[in-house]
């Protein structure tokens, strides 16, 4: 579900950063504000998927 406001998107990124995920894979429906903010504050964790992207995770 996309954040309803720009402020909500930024708060969501801040909360996500606090969780310290290994990766963040925002899809198009996440919204540009969230994606841009996430890339700004945790660029090493954001994986941008596009049509045809295949993600393979292993432990």
PDB file of N, CA and C in Angstrom:
ATOM      1  N   UNK A   1       0.847  -1.168   0.000  1.00  0.00           N
ATOM      2  CA  UNK A   1       0.000   0.000   0.000  1.00  0.00           C
ATOM      3  C   UNK A   1       0.889   1.225   0.000  1.00  0.00           C
ATOM      4  N   UNK A   2       0.671   2.093  -0.892  1.00  0.00           N
ATOM      5  CA  UNK A   2       1.485   3.291  -1.044  1.00  0.00           C
ATOM      6  C   UNK A   2       1.189   4.270   0.093  1.00  0.00           C
ATOM      7  N   UNK A   3       2.239   4.917   0.601  1.00  0.00           N
ATOM      8  CA  UNK A   3       2.007   5.965   1.610  1.00  0.00           C
ATOM      9  C   UNK A   3       1.087   7.035   1.048  1.00  0.00           C
ATOM     10  N   UNK A   4       0.198   7.536   1.878  1.00  0.00           N
ATOM     11  CA  UNK A   4      -0.796   8.490   1.399  1.00  0.00           C
ATOM     12  C   UNK A   4      -0.243   9.892   1.230  1.00  0.00           C
ATOM     13  N   UNK A   5       0.780  10.254   1.982  1.00  0.00           N
ATOM     14  CA  UNK A   5       1.343  11.600   1.882  1.00  0.00           C
ATOM     15  C   UNK A   5       2.866  11.500   1.781  1.00  0.00           C
ATOM     16  N   UNK A   6       3.491  12.590   1.355  1.00  0.00           N
ATOM     17  CA  UNK A   6       4.952  12.611   1.287  1.00  0.00           C
ATOM     18  C   UNK A   6       5.554  12.442   2.675  1.00  0.00           C
ATOM     19  N   UNK A   7       4.968  13.075   3.673  1.00  0.00           N
ATOM     20  CA  UNK A   7       5.476  12.947   5.050  1.00  0.00           C
ATOM     21  C   UNK A   7       5.375  11.499   5.530  1.00  0.00           C
ATOM     22  N   UNK A   8       4.278  10.851   5.220  1.00  0.00           N
ATOM     23  CA  UNK A   8       4.116   9.449   5.607  1.00  0.00           C
ATOM     24  C   UNK A   8       5.170   8.576   4.912  1.00  0.00           C
ATOM     25  N   UNK A   9       5.468   8.871   3.664  1.00  0.00           N
ATOM     26  CA  UNK A   9       6.504   8.117   2.943  1.00  0.00           C
ATOM     27  C   UNK A   9       7.854   8.292   3.626  1.00  0.00           C
ATOM     28  N   UNK A  10       8.174   9.510   4.017  1.00  0.00           N
ATOM     29  CA  UNK A  10       9.457   9.765   4.688  1.00  0.00           C
ATOM     30  C   UNK A  10       9.529   9.088   6.052  1.00  0.00           C
ATOM     31  N   UNK A  11       8.426   9.101   6.794  1.00  0.00           N
ATOM     32  CA  UNK A  11       8.387   8.414   8.097  1.00  0.00           C
ATOM     33  C   UNK A  11       8.548   6.911   7.909  1.00  0.00           C
ATOM     34  N   UNK A  12       7.934   6.385   6.868  1.00  0.00           N
ATOM     35  CA  UNK A  12       8.041   4.956   6.588  1.00  0.00           C
ATOM     36  C   UNK A  12       9.482   4.580   6.283  1.00  0.00           C
ATOM     37  N   UNK A  13      10.186   5.425   5.536  1.00  0.00           N
ATOM     38  CA  UNK A  13      11.605   5.177   5.269  1.00  0.00           C
ATOM     39  C   UNK A  13      12.396   5.218   6.571  1.00  0.00           C
ATOM     40  N   UNK A  14      12.128   6.201   7.414  1.00  0.00           N
ATOM     41  CA  UNK A  14      12.846   6.316   8.689  1.00  0.00           C
ATOM     42  C   UNK A  14      12.621   5.072   9.543  1.00  0.00           C
ATOM     43  N   UNK A  15      11.385   4.600   9.604  1.00  0.00           N
ATOM     44  CA  UNK A  15      11.089   3.387  10.380  1.00  0.00           C
ATOM     45  C   UNK A  15      11.756   2.169   9.752  1.00  0.00           C
ATOM     46  N   UNK A  16      11.773   2.118   8.439  1.00  0.00           N
ATOM     47  CA  UNK A  16      12.434   1.009   7.751  1.00  0.00           C
ATOM     48  C   UNK A  16      13.928   1.024   8.041  1.00  0.00           C
ATOM     49  N   UNK A  17      14.524   2.195   8.040  1.00  0.00           N
ATOM     50  CA  UNK A  17      15.952   2.328   8.333  1.00  0.00           C
ATOM     51  C   UNK A  17      16.244   1.845   9.755  1.00  0.00           C
ATOM     52  N   UNK A  18      15.356   2.124  10.694  1.00  0.00           N
ATOM     53  CA  UNK A  18      15.542   1.701  12.084  1.00  0.00           C
ATOM     54  C   UNK A  18      15.523   0.174  12.205  1.00  0.00           C
ATOM     55  N   UNK A  19      14.741  -0.473  11.370  1.00  0.00           N
ATOM     56  CA  UNK A  19      14.676  -1.941  11.364  1.00  0.00           C
ATOM     57  C   UNK A  19      15.966  -2.530  10.814  1.00  0.00           C
ATOM     58  N   UNK A  20      16.670  -1.770   9.961  1.00  0.00           N
ATOM     59  CA  UNK A  20      17.926  -2.175   9.339  1.00  0.00           C
ATOM     60  C   UNK A  20      17.778  -3.454   8.514  1.00  0.00           C
ATOM     61  N   UNK A  21      16.926  -3.390   7.479  1.00  0.00           N
ATOM     62  CA  UNK A  21      16.749  -4.578   6.648  1.00  0.00           C
ATOM     63  C   UNK A  21      17.982  -4.849   5.801  1.00  0.00           C
ATOM     64  N   UNK A  22      18.118  -6.077   5.356  1.00  0.00           N
ATOM     65  CA  UNK A  22      19.218  -6.417   4.464  1.00  0.00           C
ATOM     66  C   UNK A  22      19.015  -5.738   3.116  1.00  0.00           C
ATOM     67  N   UNK A  23      17.802  -5.805   2.604  1.00  0.00           N
ATOM     68  CA  UNK A  23      17.442  -5.180   1.333  1.00  0.00           C
ATOM     69  C   UNK A  23      16.079  -4.518   1.455  1.00  0.00           C
ATOM     70  N   UNK A  24      15.861  -3.509   0.619  1.00  0.00           N
ATOM     71  CA  UNK A  24      14.550  -2.910   0.429  1.00  0.00           C
ATOM     72  C   UNK A  24      14.285  -2.991  -1.069  1.00  0.00           C
ATOM     73  N   UNK A  25      13.180  -3.624  -1.437  1.00  0.00           N
ATOM     74  CA  UNK A  25      12.853  -3.793  -2.852  1.00  0.00           C
ATOM     75  C   UNK A  25      11.515  -3.106  -3.111  1.00  0.00           C
ATOM     76  N   UNK A  26      11.547  -1.791  -3.323  1.00  0.00           N
ATOM     77  CA  UNK A  26      10.290  -1.072  -3.542  1.00  0.00           C
ATOM     78  C   UNK A  26       9.778  -1.282  -4.965  1.00  0.00           C
ATOM     79  N   UNK A  27       8.531  -1.620  -5.078  1.00  0.00           N
ATOM     80  CA  UNK A  27       7.917  -1.797  -6.386  1.00  0.00           C
ATOM     81  C   UNK A  27       7.314  -0.466  -6.830  1.00  0.00           C
ATOM     82  N   UNK A  28       6.838  -0.403  -8.070  1.00  0.00           N
ATOM     83  CA  UNK A  28       6.340   0.860  -8.604  1.00  0.00           C
ATOM     84  C   UNK A  28       5.198   1.442  -7.772  1.00  0.00           C
ATOM     85  N   UNK A  29       4.391   0.599  -7.178  1.00  0.00           N
ATOM     86  CA  UNK A  29       3.238   1.088  -6.411  1.00  0.00           C
ATOM     87  C   UNK A  29       3.645   1.683  -5.058  1.00  0.00           C
ATOM     88  N   UNK A  30       4.914   1.514  -4.681  1.00  0.00           N
ATOM     89  CA  UNK A  30       5.393   2.105  -3.426  1.00  0.00           C
ATOM     90  C   UNK A  30       5.398   3.621  -3.510  1.00  0.00           C
ATOM     91  N   UNK A  31       5.647   4.137  -4.690  1.00  0.00           N
ATOM     92  CA  UNK A  31       5.625   5.580  -4.893  1.00  0.00           C
ATOM     93  C   UNK A  31       7.011   6.187  -4.970  1.00  0.00           C
ATOM     94  N   UNK A  32       7.126   7.238  -5.773  1.00  0.00           N
ATOM     95  CA  UNK A  32       8.412   7.881  -6.016  1.00  0.00           C
ATOM     96  C   UNK A  32       9.024   8.511  -4.775  1.00  0.00           C
ATOM     97  N   UNK A  33       8.212   9.107  -3.909  1.00  0.00           N
ATOM     98  CA  UNK A  33       8.758   9.771  -2.726  1.00  0.00           C
ATOM     99  C   UNK A  33       9.469   8.757  -1.835  1.00  0.00           C
ATOM    100  N   UNK A  34       8.820   7.634  -1.575  1.00  0.00           N
ATOM    101  CA  UNK A  34       9.444   6.598  -0.751  1.00  0.00           C
ATOM    102  C   UNK A  34      10.729   6.103  -1.406  1.00  0.00           C
ATOM    103  N   UNK A  35      10.671   5.786  -2.693  1.00  0.00           N
ATOM    104  CA  UNK A  35      11.831   5.226  -3.384  1.00  0.00           C
ATOM    105  C   UNK A  35      12.997   6.206  -3.358  1.00  0.00           C
ATOM    106  N   UNK A  36      12.742   7.460  -3.661  1.00  0.00           N
ATOM    107  CA  UNK A  36      13.814   8.461  -3.669  1.00  0.00           C
ATOM    108  C   UNK A  36      14.405   8.659  -2.277  1.00  0.00           C
ATOM    109  N   UNK A  37      13.554   8.702  -1.264  1.00  0.00           N
ATOM    110  CA  UNK A  37      14.040   8.890   0.110  1.00  0.00           C
ATOM    111  C   UNK A  37      14.828   7.668   0.573  1.00  0.00           C
ATOM    112  N   UNK A  38      14.342   6.479   0.262  1.00  0.00           N
ATOM    113  CA  UNK A  38      15.057   5.259   0.635  1.00  0.00           C
ATOM    114  C   UNK A  38      16.419   5.204  -0.046  1.00  0.00           C
ATOM    115  N   UNK A  39      16.484   5.596  -1.297  1.00  0.00           N
ATOM    116  CA  UNK A  39      17.758   5.602  -2.013  1.00  0.00           C
ATOM    117  C   UNK A  39      18.705   6.651  -1.429  1.00  0.00           C
ATOM    118  N   UNK A  40      18.149   7.721  -0.895  1.00  0.00           N
ATOM    119  CA  UNK A  40      18.977   8.769  -0.298  1.00  0.00           C
ATOM    120  C   UNK A  40      19.581   8.317   1.025  1.00  0.00           C
ATOM    121  N   UNK A  41      18.782   7.679   1.893  1.00  0.00           N
ATOM    122  CA  UNK A  41      19.245   7.362   3.245  1.00  0.00           C
ATOM    123  C   UNK A  41      19.869   5.971   3.390  1.00  0.00           C
ATOM    124  N   UNK A  42      19.548   5.061   2.496  1.00  0.00           N
ATOM    125  CA  UNK A  42      20.152   3.724   2.570  1.00  0.00           C
ATOM    126  C   UNK A  42      20.367   3.160   1.169  1.00  0.00           C
ATOM    127  N   UNK A  43      21.185   3.862   0.375  1.00  0.00           N
ATOM    128  CA  UNK A  43      21.377   3.459  -1.028  1.00  0.00           C
ATOM    129  C   UNK A  43      21.950   2.056  -1.203  1.00  0.00           C
ATOM    130  N   UNK A  44      22.732   1.602  -0.269  1.00  0.00           N
ATOM    131  CA  UNK A  44      23.333   0.278  -0.386  1.00  0.00           C
ATOM    132  C   UNK A  44      22.328  -0.843  -0.156  1.00  0.00           C
ATOM    133  N   UNK A  45      21.135  -0.511   0.331  1.00  0.00           N
ATOM    134  CA  UNK A  45      20.128  -1.530   0.634  1.00  0.00           C
ATOM    135  C   UNK A  45      18.993  -1.582  -0.376  1.00  0.00           C
ATOM    136  N   UNK A  46      18.866  -0.542  -1.204  1.00  0.00           N
ATOM    137  CA  UNK A  46      17.738  -0.467  -2.139  1.00  0.00           C
ATOM    138  C   UNK A  46      18.071  -1.211  -3.424  1.00  0.00           C
ATOM    139  N   UNK A  47      17.204  -2.125  -3.783  1.00  0.00           N
ATOM    140  CA  UNK A  47      17.310  -2.855  -5.043  1.00  0.00           C
ATOM    141  C   UNK A  47      16.117  -2.416  -5.885  1.00  0.00           C
ATOM    142  N   UNK A  48      16.397  -1.767  -7.017  1.00  0.00           N
ATOM    143  CA  UNK A  48      15.325  -1.293  -7.896  1.00  0.00           C
ATOM    144  C   UNK A  48      14.955  -2.376  -8.905  1.00  0.00           C
ATOM    145  N   UNK A  49      13.777  -2.972  -8.770  1.00  0.00           N
ATOM    146  CA  UNK A  49      13.360  -3.975  -9.750  1.00  0.00           C
ATOM    147  C   UNK A  49      12.694  -3.306 -10.951  1.00  0.00           C
ATOM    148  N   UNK A  50      12.873  -3.900 -12.076  1.00  0.00           N
ATOM    149  CA  UNK A  50      12.234  -3.450 -13.313  1.00  0.00           C
ATOM    150  C   UNK A  50      11.634  -4.666 -13.987  1.00  0.00           C
ATOM    151  N   UNK A  51      10.900  -4.474 -15.058  1.00  0.00           N
ATOM    152  CA  UNK A  51      10.287  -5.588 -15.771  1.00  0.00           C
ATOM    153  C   UNK A  51      11.374  -6.603 -16.113  1.00  0.00           C
ATOM    154  N   UNK A  52      11.132  -7.829 -15.726  1.00  0.00           N
ATOM    155  CA  UNK A  52      12.080  -8.890 -16.018  1.00  0.00           C
ATOM    156  C   UNK A  52      13.133  -9.118 -14.940  1.00  0.00           C
ATOM    157  N   UNK A  53      13.138  -8.271 -13.908  1.00  0.00           N
ATOM    158  CA  UNK A  53      14.100  -8.456 -12.822  1.00  0.00           C
ATOM    159  C   UNK A  53      13.819  -9.779 -12.123  1.00  0.00           C
ATOM    160  N   UNK A  54      14.847 -10.534 -11.889  1.00  0.00           N
ATOM    161  CA  UNK A  54      14.724 -11.793 -11.157  1.00  0.00           C
ATOM    162  C   UNK A  54      15.603 -11.705  -9.923  1.00  0.00           C
ATOM    163  N   UNK A  55      15.008 -11.880  -8.766  1.00  0.00           N
ATOM    164  CA  UNK A  55      15.735 -11.809  -7.507  1.00  0.00           C
ATOM    165  C   UNK A  55      15.906 -13.211  -6.950  1.00  0.00           C
ATOM    166  N   UNK A  56      17.138 -13.548  -6.604  1.00  0.00           N
ATOM    167  CA  UNK A  56      17.429 -14.866  -6.038  1.00  0.00           C
ATOM    168  C   UNK A  56      18.112 -14.632  -4.692  1.00  0.00           C
ATOM    169  N   UNK A  57      17.503 -15.097  -3.629  1.00  0.00           N
ATOM    170  CA  UNK A  57      18.036 -14.931  -2.279  1.00  0.00           C
ATOM    171  C   UNK A  57      18.490 -16.280  -1.758  1.00  0.00           C
ATOM    172  N   UNK A  58      19.576 -16.284  -1.054  1.00  0.00           N
ATOM    173  CA  UNK A  58      20.031 -17.512  -0.409  1.00  0.00           C
ATOM    174  C   UNK A  58      20.510 -17.189   0.990  1.00  0.00           C
ATOM    175  N   UNK A  59      20.571 -18.183   1.830  1.00  0.00           N
ATOM    176  CA  UNK A  59      20.988 -17.942   3.207  1.00  0.00           C
ATOM    177  C   UNK A  59      22.458 -18.191   3.393  1.00  0.00           C
TER     178      UNK A  59
END
